[in-house]
Amino acid sequence: MEHKRKLITKVLIVGGVIAMLSYLFHPGVGQLSVMINGEPVAEPLARFAAIPTLLVILLITSLLTVLLFLGVGVLMFLAAMLFAFAVCVIIAPYFWPVLVIIFLVIALMAFSNGNKG
């Protein structure tokens, strides 16, 4: 256990040193620049509009990371599959029996034992 703790400490220290050096010697340190079509935007209103988008992306990423560490990845996958199925049913109302049959075939294949003999 002591060996693992030393290894984790060394990895964190080396990672911190690399992050610090790459931040200090990067040419764009301290500059917040918004790029649209590869060109920097100097208008303050565009920079102001980019901040909420950045915060929402950071919030979603951190929420997904917390859920990953809590171990709810399979639950999220099943919820996404159910959501995708519901969207397909809503978008294609005339073809929903075909979609239900396809979904049931996939569900039966997923839950089968896999015995071939």
Protein backbone atom coordinates (compact mmCIF):
# COMPACT_ATOMS: atom_id res chain seq x y z
CA MET A 1 0.00 0.00 0.00
CA GLU A 2 2.88 2.35 0.78
CA HIS A 3 4.41 1.73 -2.66
CA LYS A 4 1.12 2.70 -4.38
CA ARG A 5 0.88 5.89 -2.34
CA LYS A 6 4.43 6.88 -3.33
CA LEU A 7 3.67 6.18 -6.99
CA ILE A 8 0.48 8.25 -6.92
CA THR A 9 2.35 11.10 -5.24
CA LYS A 10 5.12 11.00 -7.83
CA VAL A 11 2.61 10.98 -10.70
CA LEU A 12 0.73 13.95 -9.23
CA ILE A 13 3.94 15.93 -8.66
CA VAL A 14 5.28 15.27 -12.16
CA GLY A 15 1.88 16.11 -13.68
CA GLY A 16 1.72 19.35 -11.70
CA VAL A 17 5.24 20.36 -12.77
CA ILE A 18 4.47 19.64 -16.44
CA ALA A 19 1.19 21.58 -16.25
CA MET A 20 2.88 24.52 -14.53
CA LEU A 21 5.75 24.67 -17.04
CA SER A 22 3.47 24.34 -20.05
CA TYR A 23 1.27 27.12 -18.67
CA LEU A 24 4.18 29.44 -17.89
CA PHE A 25 5.94 29.02 -21.23
CA HIS A 26 2.86 29.04 -23.48
CA PRO A 27 2.77 32.15 -25.68
CA GLY A 28 -0.91 32.89 -25.07
CA VAL A 29 -0.84 32.91 -21.27
CA GLY A 30 -3.42 35.17 -19.69
CA GLN A 31 -5.27 35.89 -22.92
CA LEU A 32 -8.88 34.97 -23.43
CA SER A 33 -9.39 34.94 -27.15
CA VAL A 34 -12.53 33.90 -28.95
CA MET A 35 -12.01 32.47 -32.42
CA ILE A 36 -14.71 32.54 -35.09
CA ASN A 37 -13.79 30.94 -38.41
CA GLY A 38 -10.15 30.92 -37.36
CA GLU A 39 -10.02 34.67 -36.77
CA PRO A 40 -9.72 36.22 -33.30
CA VAL A 41 -12.70 38.32 -32.25
CA ALA A 42 -11.94 41.57 -30.46
CA GLU A 43 -15.54 42.65 -29.84
CA PRO A 44 -16.33 42.54 -26.11
CA LEU A 45 -19.93 41.45 -26.70
CA ALA A 46 -18.81 38.26 -28.44
CA ARG A 47 -16.42 37.50 -25.58
CA PHE A 48 -19.20 38.12 -23.08
CA ALA A 49 -21.49 35.72 -24.97
CA ALA A 50 -18.84 32.99 -24.95
CA ILE A 51 -18.57 32.92 -21.15
CA PRO A 52 -22.01 31.36 -20.41
CA THR A 53 -21.41 28.76 -23.10
CA LEU A 54 -18.08 27.87 -21.55
CA LEU A 55 -19.66 27.64 -18.10
CA VAL A 56 -22.46 25.37 -19.34
CA ILE A 57 -19.94 23.07 -21.04
CA LEU A 58 -17.84 22.95 -17.87
CA LEU A 59 -20.95 22.21 -15.78
CA ILE A 60 -22.04 19.35 -18.06
CA THR A 61 -18.52 17.91 -18.16
CA SER A 62 -18.15 18.04 -14.39
CA LEU A 63 -21.59 16.50 -13.88
CA LEU A 64 -20.77 13.64 -16.24
CA THR A 65 -17.42 13.12 -14.50
CA VAL A 66 -19.08 12.91 -11.07
CA LEU A 67 -21.66 10.47 -12.43
CA LEU A 68 -18.85 8.41 -13.95
CA PHE A 69 -17.09 8.14 -10.62
CA LEU A 70 -20.36 7.23 -8.91
CA GLY A 71 -20.73 4.32 -11.33
CA VAL A 72 -23.95 5.21 -13.09
CA GLY A 73 -22.57 4.82 -16.61
CA VAL A 74 -24.79 1.85 -17.51
CA LEU A 75 -27.85 3.64 -16.16
CA MET A 76 -27.02 6.69 -18.25
CA PHE A 77 -26.51 4.49 -21.33
CA LEU A 78 -29.89 2.84 -20.85
CA ALA A 79 -31.53 6.22 -20.29
CA ALA A 80 -29.95 7.55 -23.48
CA MET A 81 -31.15 4.50 -25.40
CA LEU A 82 -34.68 4.96 -24.05
CA PHE A 83 -34.56 8.66 -24.92
CA ALA A 84 -33.37 7.87 -28.45
CA PHE A 85 -36.15 5.31 -28.84
CA ALA A 86 -38.74 7.84 -27.59
CA VAL A 87 -37.46 10.44 -30.05
CA CYS A 88 -37.68 7.92 -32.90
CA VAL A 89 -41.25 7.10 -31.93
CA ILE A 90 -42.21 10.77 -31.78
CA ILE A 91 -40.46 11.76 -34.99
CA ALA A 92 -41.72 8.85 -37.08
CA PRO A 93 -45.34 8.31 -35.98
CA TYR A 94 -46.33 6.33 -39.07
CA PHE A 95 -43.43 3.93 -38.73
CA TRP A 96 -43.61 3.27 -34.99
CA PRO A 97 -44.68 -0.40 -35.32
CA VAL A 98 -41.54 -1.10 -37.34
CA LEU A 99 -39.44 0.76 -34.78
CA VAL A 100 -41.03 -1.22 -31.94
CA ILE A 101 -40.30 -4.50 -33.72
CA ILE A 102 -36.67 -3.46 -34.29
CA PHE A 103 -36.36 -2.40 -30.65
CA LEU A 104 -37.82 -5.69 -29.42
CA VAL A 105 -35.48 -7.70 -31.64
CA ILE A 106 -32.49 -5.76 -30.29
CA ALA A 107 -33.74 -6.23 -26.72
CA LEU A 108 -34.20 -9.97 -27.23
CA MET A 109 -30.72 -10.25 -28.73
CA ALA A 110 -29.25 -8.32 -25.81
CA PHE A 111 -30.91 -10.43 -23.14
CA SER A 112 -30.55 -13.84 -24.76
CA ASN A 113 -28.27 -16.42 -23.20
CA GLY A 114 -26.17 -16.80 -26.31
CA ASN A 115 -26.50 -20.60 -26.34
CA LYS A 116 -25.95 -21.88 -29.87
CA GLY A 117 -26.68 -25.52 -29.28
